[in-house]
Amino acid sequence: MSRVGVLGAGAWGTALAQVLGSDGRDVLLWARESDVVEEINAKHTNSQFLSGAFLSPQIEATGDPARIGSVEVLLVVTPAQHTGHVLKAMPRHPAHLVLCSKGIEAGSGRLMNDVAREAAPGSDIAVLSGPTFAHEVAAGLPTAVTLACSAGEAQWGALSPVIARPTFRPYYSDDVTGAEIGGAVKNVLAIACGVVDGLDLGQNARAALIARGYAEMLRFGETLGARAETLAGLCGLGDLVLTCSSTSSRNFSLGKALGEGKSAAELMADRRTVAEGAFTAPVLQKLASDHGIAMPIVEAVNGLLDGAGPRDTVQALLSRPLRAEQGASG
């Protein structure tokens, strides 16, 4: 039985540790905050990031990067903008890194698998992504995800028994790029859908935004080498529908607050948890521009984060030239 660990004890990392420990397996969970480590070990709770959940006693928390690097399979759940730094600070790395954070590195424009390859060149990289609210996963509610393996079916054979549980079902892919792009782009689109909700523009508008946002995801993904069928699956369309539909999504909640008139600077300064879409949006827009990809919804989200008025932003989107739905560039 492979030793397994989780790097990052936020809501998602804690929920994944709970899944992994649900069959009696020992799980090592790394947290940056010493008080989180102490609470998990003493009380089997993580009130800061996953309140209301009683954690398996099989979960042991640690703040020691050397200990977490000694496992064989490590799920990396640190915020995307900190993943490279945290991995580089580890004195050793496991044979398998499973990337579970969704985002694009600001500044470099790199996907997380490229960041991880540089920081841990000796590890095989996989990506776990899909429609997953942490509190539902921790509660053992049925969940399905994509597990994209850079080393192909041999890696899938090693990882799937470690990760799969009766209520947590991974599906195999070898399209690591597609799995990452789906998760990163949907975060930005979820902010836009939250704005629609905050402005009380109705369900028709939200459904239209999801569909047109998905078209942007496809254009961007296929240009960067992702497969359309990957983006039509759990890690793309599935995740998009979930996070664009509920305030359980941090990105949707951020957008809703923007739509209600709160400022982006105020909202970002006051959040303990990370809305990755706010960090991904600027670099996503730059990458799209560099590749000549039309992503008007992503551009609109960037404008909102820079202080543009939500009603004016929506009006600008609605005033764009009319065009064919299929095969159009924007």
C-alpha atoms as a PDB file:
ATOM      1  CA  MET A   1       0.000   0.000   0.000  1.00  0.00           C
ATOM      2  CA  SER A   2       1.520   3.293  -1.108  1.00  0.00           C
ATOM      3  CA  ARG A   3       2.136   5.918   1.525  1.00  0.00           C
ATOM      4  CA  VAL A   4       0.027   8.942   0.656  1.00  0.00           C
ATOM      5  CA  GLY A   5       0.097  12.597   1.652  1.00  0.00           C
ATOM      6  CA  VAL A   6      -1.693  15.846   0.951  1.00  0.00           C
ATOM      7  CA  LEU A   7       0.205  19.128   0.622  1.00  0.00           C
ATOM      8  CA  GLY A   8      -2.069  21.930   1.786  1.00  0.00           C
ATOM      9  CA  ALA A   9      -4.742  21.873   4.500  1.00  0.00           C
ATOM     10  CA  GLY A  10      -7.249  24.322   3.110  1.00  0.00           C
ATOM     11  CA  ALA A  11     -10.822  23.177   2.543  1.00  0.00           C
ATOM     12  CA  TRP A  12     -10.018  21.150  -0.588  1.00  0.00           C
ATOM     13  CA  GLY A  13      -6.834  19.604   0.770  1.00  0.00           C
ATOM     14  CA  THR A  14      -8.550  18.627   4.006  1.00  0.00           C
ATOM     15  CA  ALA A  15     -11.481  17.123   2.096  1.00  0.00           C
ATOM     16  CA  LEU A  16      -9.116  15.058  -0.041  1.00  0.00           C
ATOM     17  CA  ALA A  17      -7.292  13.839   3.058  1.00  0.00           C
ATOM     18  CA  GLN A  18     -10.665  12.802   4.479  1.00  0.00           C
ATOM     19  CA  VAL A  19     -11.456  10.818   1.323  1.00  0.00           C
ATOM     20  CA  LEU A  20      -8.080   9.098   1.333  1.00  0.00           C
ATOM     21  CA  GLY A  21      -8.415   8.160   4.998  1.00  0.00           C
ATOM     22  CA  SER A  22     -11.969   6.874   4.665  1.00  0.00           C
ATOM     23  CA  ASP A  23     -10.874   3.246   4.136  1.00  0.00           C
ATOM     24  CA  GLY A  24      -8.501   3.165   7.102  1.00  0.00           C
ATOM     25  CA  ARG A  25      -5.404   4.276   5.198  1.00  0.00           C
ATOM     26  CA  ASP A  26      -2.942   6.501   7.083  1.00  0.00           C
ATOM     27  CA  VAL A  27      -2.755   9.964   5.501  1.00  0.00           C
ATOM     28  CA  LEU A  28      -0.161  12.644   6.175  1.00  0.00           C
ATOM     29  CA  LEU A  29      -1.516  16.198   5.733  1.00  0.00           C
ATOM     30  CA  TRP A  30       0.843  19.183   5.535  1.00  0.00           C
ATOM     31  CA  ALA A  31      -0.353  22.568   6.771  1.00  0.00           C
ATOM     32  CA  ARG A  32       1.520  25.861   6.780  1.00  0.00           C
ATOM     33  CA  GLU A  33      -0.292  27.105   9.893  1.00  0.00           C
ATOM     34  CA  SER A  34       0.905  25.580  13.178  1.00  0.00           C
ATOM     35  CA  ASP A  35      -2.486  26.092  14.830  1.00  0.00           C
ATOM     36  CA  VAL A  36      -4.156  24.084  12.049  1.00  0.00           C
ATOM     37  CA  VAL A  37      -1.652  21.245  12.586  1.00  0.00           C
ATOM     38  CA  GLU A  38      -2.326  21.244  16.318  1.00  0.00           C
ATOM     39  CA  GLU A  39      -6.119  21.294  15.914  1.00  0.00           C
ATOM     40  CA  ILE A  40      -6.216  18.457  13.382  1.00  0.00           C
ATOM     41  CA  ASN A  41      -4.024  16.224  15.537  1.00  0.00           C
ATOM     42  CA  ALA A  42      -5.720  17.054  18.842  1.00  0.00           C
ATOM     43  CA  LYS A  43      -9.379  17.443  17.856  1.00  0.00           C
ATOM     44  CA  HIS A  44      -9.645  15.889  14.358  1.00  0.00           C
ATOM     45  CA  THR A  45     -11.204  19.107  13.053  1.00  0.00           C
ATOM     46  CA  ASN A  46     -10.089  22.001  10.857  1.00  0.00           C
ATOM     47  CA  SER A  47     -12.375  24.829  11.944  1.00  0.00           C
ATOM     48  CA  GLN A  48     -10.487  27.481   9.959  1.00  0.00           C
ATOM     49  CA  PHE A  49     -10.941  25.905   6.546  1.00  0.00           C
ATOM     50  CA  LEU A  50     -13.506  23.080   6.752  1.00  0.00           C
ATOM     51  CA  SER A  51     -15.769  23.823   9.690  1.00  0.00           C
ATOM     52  CA  GLY A  52     -18.332  21.228  10.691  1.00  0.00           C
ATOM     53  CA  ALA A  53     -16.362  18.232   9.437  1.00  0.00           C
ATOM     54  CA  PHE A  54     -15.071  15.587  11.836  1.00  0.00           C
ATOM     55  CA  LEU A  55     -11.871  14.205  10.339  1.00  0.00           C
ATOM     56  CA  SER A  56     -10.709  10.629  10.246  1.00  0.00           C
ATOM     57  CA  PRO A  57      -8.261   9.769  13.048  1.00  0.00           C
ATOM     58  CA  GLN A  58      -6.124   8.235  10.286  1.00  0.00           C
ATOM     59  CA  ILE A  59      -5.163  11.779   9.236  1.00  0.00           C
ATOM     60  CA  GLU A  60      -1.982  13.096  10.831  1.00  0.00           C
ATOM     61  CA  ALA A  61      -1.072  16.738  10.258  1.00  0.00           C
ATOM     62  CA  THR A  62       2.477  18.029  10.007  1.00  0.00           C
ATOM     63  CA  GLY A  63       4.239  21.275   9.225  1.00  0.00           C
ATOM     64  CA  ASP A  64       7.485  19.535   8.262  1.00  0.00           C
ATOM     65  CA  PRO A  65       8.177  19.640   4.491  1.00  0.00           C
ATOM     66  CA  ALA A  66      10.729  16.836   4.820  1.00  0.00           C
ATOM     67  CA  ARG A  67       8.131  14.451   6.278  1.00  0.00           C
ATOM     68  CA  ILE A  68       5.534  15.171   3.613  1.00  0.00           C
ATOM     69  CA  GLY A  69       8.161  14.589   0.931  1.00  0.00           C
ATOM     70  CA  SER A  70       8.783  11.068   2.205  1.00  0.00           C
ATOM     71  CA  VAL A  71       5.438   9.692   0.974  1.00  0.00           C
ATOM     72  CA  GLU A  72       5.132   7.877  -2.342  1.00  0.00           C
ATOM     73  CA  VAL A  73       2.055   9.681  -3.661  1.00  0.00           C
ATOM     74  CA  LEU A  74       1.506  13.356  -2.815  1.00  0.00           C
ATOM     75  CA  LEU A  75      -1.627  15.309  -3.692  1.00  0.00           C
ATOM     76  CA  VAL A  76      -0.577  18.949  -4.128  1.00  0.00           C
ATOM     77  CA  VAL A  77      -3.384  21.283  -3.030  1.00  0.00           C
ATOM     78  CA  THR A  78      -1.518  24.508  -2.278  1.00  0.00           C
ATOM     79  CA  PRO A  79      -2.883  27.671  -3.963  1.00  0.00           C
ATOM     80  CA  ALA A  80      -1.707  27.796  -7.568  1.00  0.00           C
ATOM     81  CA  GLN A  81       0.335  30.960  -7.096  1.00  0.00           C
ATOM     82  CA  HIS A  82       2.344  29.348  -4.266  1.00  0.00           C
ATOM     83  CA  THR A  83       2.766  25.829  -5.645  1.00  0.00           C
ATOM     84  CA  GLY A  84       6.199  26.350  -7.198  1.00  0.00           C
ATOM     85  CA  HIS A  85       7.618  27.976  -4.075  1.00  0.00           C
ATOM     86  CA  VAL A  86       6.277  25.284  -1.746  1.00  0.00           C
ATOM     87  CA  LEU A  87       7.561  22.436  -3.922  1.00  0.00           C
ATOM     88  CA  LYS A  88      11.004  24.028  -4.239  1.00  0.00           C
ATOM     89  CA  ALA A  89      11.213  24.330  -0.453  1.00  0.00           C
ATOM     90  CA  MET A  90      10.791  20.566  -0.010  1.00  0.00           C
ATOM     91  CA  PRO A  91      14.117  18.734   0.496  1.00  0.00           C
ATOM     92  CA  ARG A  92      12.808  15.681  -1.395  1.00  0.00           C
ATOM     93  CA  HIS A  93       9.870  14.828  -3.631  1.00  0.00           C
ATOM     94  CA  PRO A  94       7.680  11.720  -3.987  1.00  0.00           C
ATOM     95  CA  ALA A  95       7.600   9.457  -7.016  1.00  0.00           C
ATOM     96  CA  HIS A  96       4.143  10.798  -7.927  1.00  0.00           C
ATOM     97  CA  LEU A  97       2.808  14.344  -7.631  1.00  0.00           C
ATOM     98  CA  VAL A  98      -0.945  14.720  -8.210  1.00  0.00           C
ATOM     99  CA  LEU A  99      -1.756  18.389  -8.848  1.00  0.00           C
ATOM    100  CA  CYS A 100      -5.151  19.378  -7.449  1.00  0.00           C
ATOM    101  CA  SER A 101      -5.009  23.201  -7.553  1.00  0.00           C
ATOM    102  CA  LYS A 102      -6.582  25.024 -10.492  1.00  0.00           C
ATOM    103  CA  GLY A 103      -4.824  28.032 -11.941  1.00  0.00           C
ATOM    104  CA  ILE A 104      -2.109  29.505 -14.139  1.00  0.00           C
ATOM    105  CA  GLU A 105       1.046  30.937 -12.607  1.00  0.00           C
ATOM    106  CA  ALA A 106       0.991  34.720 -12.717  1.00  0.00           C
ATOM    107  CA  GLY A 107       4.033  36.278 -14.354  1.00  0.00           C
ATOM    108  CA  SER A 108       5.247  33.158 -16.129  1.00  0.00           C
ATOM    109  CA  GLY A 109       1.922  32.074 -17.664  1.00  0.00           C
ATOM    110  CA  ARG A 110       2.780  28.430 -16.916  1.00  0.00           C
ATOM    111  CA  LEU A 111       0.328  25.677 -16.133  1.00  0.00           C
ATOM    112  CA  MET A 112       0.841  23.898 -12.827  1.00  0.00           C
ATOM    113  CA  ASN A 113       2.319  20.779 -14.439  1.00  0.00           C
ATOM    114  CA  ASP A 114       5.101  22.903 -15.960  1.00  0.00           C
ATOM    115  CA  VAL A 115       5.692  24.573 -12.590  1.00  0.00           C
ATOM    116  CA  ALA A 116       5.880  21.177 -10.877  1.00  0.00           C
ATOM    117  CA  ARG A 117       8.227  19.679 -13.472  1.00  0.00           C
ATOM    118  CA  GLU A 118      10.743  22.433 -12.841  1.00  0.00           C
ATOM    119  CA  ALA A 119      10.443  22.230  -9.040  1.00  0.00           C
ATOM    120  CA  ALA A 120      10.395  18.399  -8.840  1.00  0.00           C
ATOM    121  CA  PRO A 121      12.031  17.027 -12.006  1.00  0.00           C
ATOM    122  CA  GLY A 122      12.241  13.485 -10.657  1.00  0.00           C
ATOM    123  CA  SER A 123       8.511  13.090 -10.011  1.00  0.00           C
ATOM    124  CA  ASP A 124       5.846  11.805 -12.384  1.00  0.00           C
ATOM    125  CA  ILE A 125       3.050  14.369 -12.706  1.00  0.00           C
ATOM    126  CA  ALA A 126      -0.703  13.799 -12.737  1.00  0.00           C
ATOM    127  CA  VAL A 127      -3.613  16.239 -12.536  1.00  0.00           C
ATOM    128  CA  LEU A 128      -6.813  15.658 -10.579  1.00  0.00           C
ATOM    129  CA  SER A 129      -9.640  17.971 -11.589  1.00  0.00           C
ATOM    130  CA  GLY A 130     -13.411  18.017 -11.801  1.00  0.00           C
ATOM    131  CA  PRO A 131     -16.651  19.281 -10.246  1.00  0.00           C
ATOM    132  CA  THR A 132     -15.811  19.115  -6.547  1.00  0.00           C
ATOM    133  CA  PHE A 133     -17.142  21.199  -3.678  1.00  0.00           C
ATOM    134  CA  ALA A 134     -14.939  20.410  -0.690  1.00  0.00           C
ATOM    135  CA  HIS A 135     -17.726  20.114   1.897  1.00  0.00           C
ATOM    136  CA  GLU A 136     -19.586  17.551  -0.227  1.00  0.00           C
ATOM    137  CA  VAL A 137     -16.446  15.488  -0.831  1.00  0.00           C
ATOM    138  CA  ALA A 138     -15.625  15.516   2.887  1.00  0.00           C
ATOM    139  CA  ALA A 139     -19.157  14.386   3.681  1.00  0.00           C
ATOM    140  CA  GLY A 140     -18.754  11.356   1.409  1.00  0.00           C
ATOM    141  CA  LEU A 141     -21.282  12.472  -1.196  1.00  0.00           C
ATOM    142  CA  PRO A 142     -20.820  10.910  -4.675  1.00  0.00           C
ATOM    143  CA  THR A 143     -18.170  12.688  -6.740  1.00  0.00           C
ATOM    144  CA  ALA A 144     -16.458  11.973 -10.076  1.00  0.00           C
ATOM    145  CA  VAL A 145     -13.217  13.540 -11.277  1.00  0.00           C
ATOM    146  CA  THR A 146     -10.698  13.371 -14.099  1.00  0.00           C
ATOM    147  CA  LEU A 147      -7.279  11.927 -13.251  1.00  0.00           C
ATOM    148  CA  ALA A 148      -4.960  12.930 -16.086  1.00  0.00           C
ATOM    149  CA  CYS A 149      -1.662  11.031 -16.051  1.00  0.00           C
ATOM    150  CA  SER A 150       1.391  12.367 -17.872  1.00  0.00           C
ATOM    151  CA  ALA A 151       3.009   8.915 -17.772  1.00  0.00           C
ATOM    152  CA  GLY A 152      -0.047   7.213 -19.263  1.00  0.00           C
ATOM    153  CA  GLU A 153      -1.806   4.035 -18.249  1.00  0.00           C
ATOM    154  CA  ALA A 154       1.056   2.692 -16.143  1.00  0.00           C
ATOM    155  CA  GLN A 155       0.784   5.732 -13.898  1.00  0.00           C
ATOM    156  CA  TRP A 156      -2.998   5.409 -13.837  1.00  0.00           C
ATOM    157  CA  GLY A 157      -2.560   1.816 -12.688  1.00  0.00           C
ATOM    158  CA  ALA A 158      -0.409   2.999  -9.798  1.00  0.00           C
ATOM    159  CA  LEU A 159      -2.523   6.001  -8.777  1.00  0.00           C
ATOM    160  CA  SER A 160      -6.145   4.995  -9.285  1.00  0.00           C
ATOM    161  CA  PRO A 161      -6.218   2.389  -6.461  1.00  0.00           C
ATOM    162  CA  VAL A 162      -4.698   4.980  -4.119  1.00  0.00           C
ATOM    163  CA  ILE A 163      -7.283   7.657  -4.941  1.00  0.00           C
ATOM    164  CA  ALA A 164     -10.517   5.838  -5.840  1.00  0.00           C
ATOM    165  CA  ARG A 165     -13.137   5.267  -3.151  1.00  0.00           C
ATOM    166  CA  PRO A 166     -16.767   4.070  -3.400  1.00  0.00           C
ATOM    167  CA  THR A 167     -18.036   7.671  -3.468  1.00  0.00           C
ATOM    168  CA  PHE A 168     -14.993   9.247  -5.151  1.00  0.00           C
ATOM    169  CA  ARG A 169     -14.612   7.980  -8.706  1.00  0.00           C
ATOM    170  CA  PRO A 170     -11.697   9.010 -10.960  1.00  0.00           C
ATOM    171  CA  TYR A 171     -11.839   8.660 -14.760  1.00  0.00           C
ATOM    172  CA  TYR A 172      -8.634   8.201 -16.745  1.00  0.00           C
ATOM    173  CA  SER A 173      -7.173  10.684 -19.214  1.00  0.00           C
ATOM    174  CA  ASP A 174      -3.704  11.315 -20.576  1.00  0.00           C
ATOM    175  CA  ASP A 175      -4.556  14.929 -21.532  1.00  0.00           C
ATOM    176  CA  VAL A 176      -2.835  16.796 -18.700  1.00  0.00           C
ATOM    177  CA  THR A 177      -3.026  20.101 -20.576  1.00  0.00           C
ATOM    178  CA  GLY A 178      -6.771  19.777 -21.103  1.00  0.00           C
ATOM    179  CA  ALA A 179      -7.415  18.867 -17.463  1.00  0.00           C
ATOM    180  CA  GLU A 180      -5.485  21.896 -16.279  1.00  0.00           C
ATOM    181  CA  ILE A 181      -6.969  24.377 -18.722  1.00  0.00           C
ATOM    182  CA  GLY A 182     -10.524  23.329 -17.899  1.00  0.00           C
ATOM    183  CA  GLY A 183      -9.978  23.934 -14.199  1.00  0.00           C
ATOM    184  CA  ALA A 184      -8.170  27.242 -14.658  1.00  0.00           C
ATOM    185  CA  VAL A 185     -10.552  28.830 -17.173  1.00  0.00           C
ATOM    186  CA  LYS A 186     -13.747  27.808 -15.353  1.00  0.00           C
ATOM    187  CA  ASN A 187     -12.611  29.767 -12.275  1.00  0.00           C
ATOM    188  CA  VAL A 188     -12.612  32.993 -14.278  1.00  0.00           C
ATOM    189  CA  LEU A 189     -15.957  32.208 -15.903  1.00  0.00           C
ATOM    190  CA  ALA A 190     -17.461  31.476 -12.477  1.00  0.00           C
ATOM    191  CA  ILE A 191     -16.670  35.055 -11.437  1.00  0.00           C
ATOM    192  CA  ALA A 192     -18.641  36.285 -14.461  1.00  0.00           C
ATOM    193  CA  CYS A 193     -21.615  34.087 -13.571  1.00  0.00           C
ATOM    194  CA  GLY A 194     -21.508  35.381 -10.014  1.00  0.00           C
ATOM    195  CA  VAL A 195     -21.763  38.929 -11.360  1.00  0.00           C
ATOM    196  CA  VAL A 196     -24.882  37.942 -13.311  1.00  0.00           C
ATOM    197  CA  ASP A 197     -26.388  36.601 -10.093  1.00  0.00           C
ATOM    198  CA  GLY A 198     -25.377  39.682  -8.119  1.00  0.00           C
ATOM    199  CA  LEU A 199     -27.076  41.897 -10.698  1.00  0.00           C
ATOM    200  CA  ASP A 200     -30.242  39.724 -10.658  1.00  0.00           C
ATOM    201  CA  LEU A 201     -30.068  39.250 -14.422  1.00  0.00           C
ATOM    202  CA  GLY A 202     -31.806  35.882 -14.300  1.00  0.00           C
ATOM    203  CA  GLN A 203     -31.222  32.234 -15.162  1.00  0.00           C
ATOM    204  CA  ASN A 204     -31.399  32.799 -18.925  1.00  0.00           C
ATOM    205  CA  ALA A 205     -28.417  35.132 -18.742  1.00  0.00           C
ATOM    206  CA  ARG A 206     -26.429  32.717 -16.580  1.00  0.00           C
ATOM    207  CA  ALA A 207     -27.090  29.793 -18.939  1.00  0.00           C
ATOM    208  CA  ALA A 208     -26.050  31.885 -21.931  1.00  0.00           C
ATOM    209  CA  LEU A 209     -22.877  32.957 -20.146  1.00  0.00           C
ATOM    210  CA  ILE A 210     -21.985  29.346 -19.306  1.00  0.00           C
ATOM    211  CA  ALA A 211     -22.449  28.318 -22.950  1.00  0.00           C
ATOM    212  CA  ARG A 212     -20.475  31.240 -24.381  1.00  0.00           C
ATOM    213  CA  GLY A 213     -17.825  30.818 -21.676  1.00  0.00           C
ATOM    214  CA  TYR A 214     -17.477  27.182 -22.629  1.00  0.00           C
ATOM    215  CA  ALA A 215     -16.872  28.292 -26.240  1.00  0.00           C
ATOM    216  CA  GLU A 216     -14.039  30.498 -24.963  1.00  0.00           C
ATOM    217  CA  MET A 217     -12.613  27.585 -22.962  1.00  0.00           C
ATOM    218  CA  LEU A 218     -12.639  25.397 -26.093  1.00  0.00           C
ATOM    219  CA  ARG A 219     -10.935  28.016 -28.275  1.00  0.00           C
ATOM    220  CA  PHE A 220      -8.232  28.616 -25.701  1.00  0.00           C
ATOM    221  CA  GLY A 221      -7.712  24.963 -24.838  1.00  0.00           C
ATOM    222  CA  GLU A 222      -7.503  23.642 -28.369  1.00  0.00           C
ATOM    223  CA  THR A 223      -5.043  26.383 -29.328  1.00  0.00           C
ATOM    224  CA  LEU A 224      -2.768  25.344 -26.461  1.00  0.00           C
ATOM    225  CA  GLY A 225      -2.991  21.635 -27.273  1.00  0.00           C
ATOM    226  CA  ALA A 226      -5.915  20.394 -25.198  1.00  0.00           C
ATOM    227  CA  ARG A 227      -8.409  17.953 -26.665  1.00  0.00           C
ATOM    228  CA  ALA A 228     -12.016  19.040 -27.122  1.00  0.00           C
ATOM    229  CA  GLU A 229     -13.320  15.800 -25.625  1.00  0.00           C
ATOM    230  CA  THR A 230     -11.342  16.450 -22.437  1.00  0.00           C
ATOM    231  CA  LEU A 231     -12.885  19.905 -22.079  1.00  0.00           C
ATOM    232  CA  ALA A 232     -16.334  18.393 -22.685  1.00  0.00           C
ATOM    233  CA  GLY A 233     -15.816  16.106 -19.698  1.00  0.00           C
ATOM    234  CA  LEU A 234     -15.697  16.352 -15.922  1.00  0.00           C
ATOM    235  CA  CYS A 235     -12.662  18.632 -15.728  1.00  0.00           C
ATOM    236  CA  GLY A 236     -14.071  21.138 -18.218  1.00  0.00           C
ATOM    237  CA  LEU A 237     -17.804  21.403 -18.801  1.00  0.00           C
ATOM    238  CA  GLY A 238     -18.677  19.461 -15.647  1.00  0.00           C
ATOM    239  CA  ASP A 239     -16.618  21.725 -13.406  1.00  0.00           C
ATOM    240  CA  LEU A 240     -17.829  24.812 -15.260  1.00  0.00           C
ATOM    241  CA  VAL A 241     -21.505  24.034 -14.658  1.00  0.00           C
ATOM    242  CA  LEU A 242     -20.934  23.368 -10.945  1.00  0.00           C
ATOM    243  CA  THR A 243     -18.881  26.444 -10.125  1.00  0.00           C
ATOM    244  CA  CYS A 244     -21.043  28.785 -12.196  1.00  0.00           C
ATOM    245  CA  SER A 245     -24.169  27.793 -10.273  1.00  0.00           C
ATOM    246  CA  SER A 246     -23.562  28.099  -6.541  1.00  0.00           C
ATOM    247  CA  THR A 247     -22.203  30.376  -3.830  1.00  0.00           C
ATOM    248  CA  SER A 248     -20.342  27.312  -2.553  1.00  0.00           C
ATOM    249  CA  SER A 249     -17.844  28.341  -5.249  1.00  0.00           C
ATOM    250  CA  ARG A 250     -15.421  30.976  -3.972  1.00  0.00           C
ATOM    251  CA  ASN A 251     -15.098  32.408  -7.473  1.00  0.00           C
ATOM    252  CA  PHE A 252     -18.870  32.625  -7.961  1.00  0.00           C
ATOM    253  CA  SER A 253     -19.193  34.287  -4.536  1.00  0.00           C
ATOM    254  CA  LEU A 254     -16.545  36.848  -5.478  1.00  0.00           C
ATOM    255  CA  GLY A 255     -18.397  37.658  -8.699  1.00  0.00           C
ATOM    256  CA  LYS A 256     -21.740  37.906  -6.891  1.00  0.00           C
ATOM    257  CA  ALA A 257     -20.266  40.440  -4.473  1.00  0.00           C
ATOM    258  CA  LEU A 258     -18.839  42.434  -7.409  1.00  0.00           C
ATOM    259  CA  GLY A 259     -22.270  42.432  -9.019  1.00  0.00           C
ATOM    260  CA  GLU A 260     -23.773  43.721  -5.777  1.00  0.00           C
ATOM    261  CA  GLY A 261     -21.438  46.723  -5.915  1.00  0.00           C
ATOM    262  CA  LYS A 262     -18.532  45.766  -3.680  1.00  0.00           C
ATOM    263  CA  SER A 263     -15.029  46.632  -4.872  1.00  0.00           C
ATOM    264  CA  ALA A 264     -12.549  43.972  -5.965  1.00  0.00           C
ATOM    265  CA  ALA A 265      -9.794  45.453  -3.784  1.00  0.00           C
ATOM    266  CA  GLU A 266     -12.018  45.290  -0.699  1.00  0.00           C
ATOM    267  CA  LEU A 267     -13.127  41.737  -1.407  1.00  0.00           C
ATOM    268  CA  MET A 268      -9.661  40.369  -2.106  1.00  0.00           C
ATOM    269  CA  ALA A 269      -8.167  41.996   0.992  1.00  0.00           C
ATOM    270  CA  ASP A 270     -10.816  40.488   3.239  1.00  0.00           C
ATOM    271  CA  ARG A 271     -10.751  36.860   2.066  1.00  0.00           C
ATOM    272  CA  ARG A 272      -9.020  34.106   4.049  1.00  0.00           C
ATOM    273  CA  THR A 273      -9.651  31.632   1.274  1.00  0.00           C
ATOM    274  CA  VAL A 274      -8.384  32.070  -2.265  1.00  0.00           C
ATOM    275  CA  ALA A 275     -10.574  32.811  -5.296  1.00  0.00           C
ATOM    276  CA  GLU A 276      -8.058  31.527  -7.840  1.00  0.00           C
ATOM    277  CA  GLY A 277      -9.939  33.052 -10.762  1.00  0.00           C
ATOM    278  CA  ALA A 278      -8.975  36.556  -9.671  1.00  0.00           C
ATOM    279  CA  PHE A 279      -5.281  35.681 -10.067  1.00  0.00           C
ATOM    280  CA  THR A 280      -5.789  33.615 -13.206  1.00  0.00           C
ATOM    281  CA  ALA A 281      -7.834  36.199 -15.120  1.00  0.00           C
ATOM    282  CA  PRO A 282      -5.019  38.664 -15.983  1.00  0.00           C
ATOM    283  CA  VAL A 283      -2.561  35.991 -17.122  1.00  0.00           C
ATOM    284  CA  LEU A 284      -5.307  34.154 -19.020  1.00  0.00           C
ATOM    285  CA  GLN A 285      -6.206  37.339 -20.885  1.00  0.00           C
ATOM    286  CA  LYS A 286      -2.551  37.936 -21.754  1.00  0.00           C
ATOM    287  CA  LEU A 287      -2.067  34.387 -23.029  1.00  0.00           C
ATOM    288  CA  ALA A 288      -5.240  34.682 -25.114  1.00  0.00           C
ATOM    289  CA  SER A 289      -4.042  37.969 -26.576  1.00  0.00           C
ATOM    290  CA  ASP A 290      -0.592  36.553 -27.331  1.00  0.00           C
ATOM    291  CA  HIS A 291      -2.214  33.656 -29.240  1.00  0.00           C
ATOM    292  CA  GLY A 292      -4.865  35.766 -30.959  1.00  0.00           C
ATOM    293  CA  ILE A 293      -7.749  34.030 -29.137  1.00  0.00           C
ATOM    294  CA  ALA A 294     -10.971  35.982 -28.611  1.00  0.00           C
ATOM    295  CA  MET A 295     -12.120  35.669 -24.971  1.00  0.00           C
ATOM    296  CA  PRO A 296     -14.525  38.579 -24.383  1.00  0.00           C
ATOM    297  CA  ILE A 297     -15.933  37.181 -21.120  1.00  0.00           C
ATOM    298  CA  VAL A 298     -12.438  36.805 -19.685  1.00  0.00           C
ATOM    299  CA  GLU A 299     -11.664  40.371 -20.778  1.00  0.00           C
ATOM    300  CA  ALA A 300     -14.843  41.554 -19.051  1.00  0.00           C
ATOM    301  CA  VAL A 301     -13.868  39.822 -15.795  1.00  0.00           C
ATOM    302  CA  ASN A 302     -10.481  41.542 -15.915  1.00  0.00           C
ATOM    303  CA  GLY A 303     -12.212  44.868 -16.330  1.00  0.00           C
ATOM    304  CA  LEU A 304     -14.378  44.191 -13.296  1.00  0.00           C
ATOM    305  CA  LEU A 305     -11.352  43.233 -11.200  1.00  0.00           C
ATOM    306  CA  ASP A 306      -9.729  46.499 -12.309  1.00  0.00           C
ATOM    307  CA  GLY A 307     -12.731  48.485 -11.087  1.00  0.00           C
ATOM    308  CA  ALA A 308     -15.107  48.676 -14.070  1.00  0.00           C
ATOM    309  CA  GLY A 309     -18.795  48.959 -13.244  1.00  0.00           C
ATOM    310  CA  PRO A 310     -20.674  45.654 -13.519  1.00  0.00           C
ATOM    311  CA  ARG A 311     -23.722  47.026 -15.362  1.00  0.00           C
ATOM    312  CA  ASP A 312     -21.579  48.880 -17.897  1.00  0.00           C
ATOM    313  CA  THR A 313     -19.495  45.733 -18.382  1.00  0.00           C
ATOM    314  CA  VAL A 314     -22.560  43.587 -19.051  1.00  0.00           C
ATOM    315  CA  GLN A 315     -23.938  46.194 -21.448  1.00  0.00           C
ATOM    316  CA  ALA A 316     -20.656  46.182 -23.378  1.00  0.00           C
ATOM    317  CA  LEU A 317     -20.863  42.391 -23.752  1.00  0.00           C
ATOM    318  CA  LEU A 318     -24.463  42.602 -24.953  1.00  0.00           C
ATOM    319  CA  SER A 319     -23.519  45.292 -27.482  1.00  0.00           C
ATOM    320  CA  ARG A 320     -20.886  43.223 -29.277  1.00  0.00           C
ATOM    321  CA  PRO A 321     -21.525  42.594 -33.010  1.00  0.00           C
ATOM    322  CA  LEU A 322     -23.929  39.791 -33.857  1.00  0.00           C
ATOM    323  CA  ARG A 323     -22.355  36.681 -35.381  1.00  0.00           C
ATOM    324  CA  ALA A 324     -22.797  32.960 -36.010  1.00  0.00           C
ATOM    325  CA  GLU A 325     -22.785  30.786 -32.884  1.00  0.00           C
ATOM    326  CA  GLN A 326     -20.614  27.959 -34.247  1.00  0.00           C
ATOM    327  CA  GLY A 327     -17.174  28.546 -35.712  1.00  0.00           C
ATOM    328  CA  ALA A 328     -17.110  32.196 -34.697  1.00  0.00           C
ATOM    329  CA  SER A 329     -14.082  33.767 -33.096  1.00  0.00           C
ATOM    330  CA  GLY A 330     -15.808  35.478 -30.179  1.00  0.00           C
END
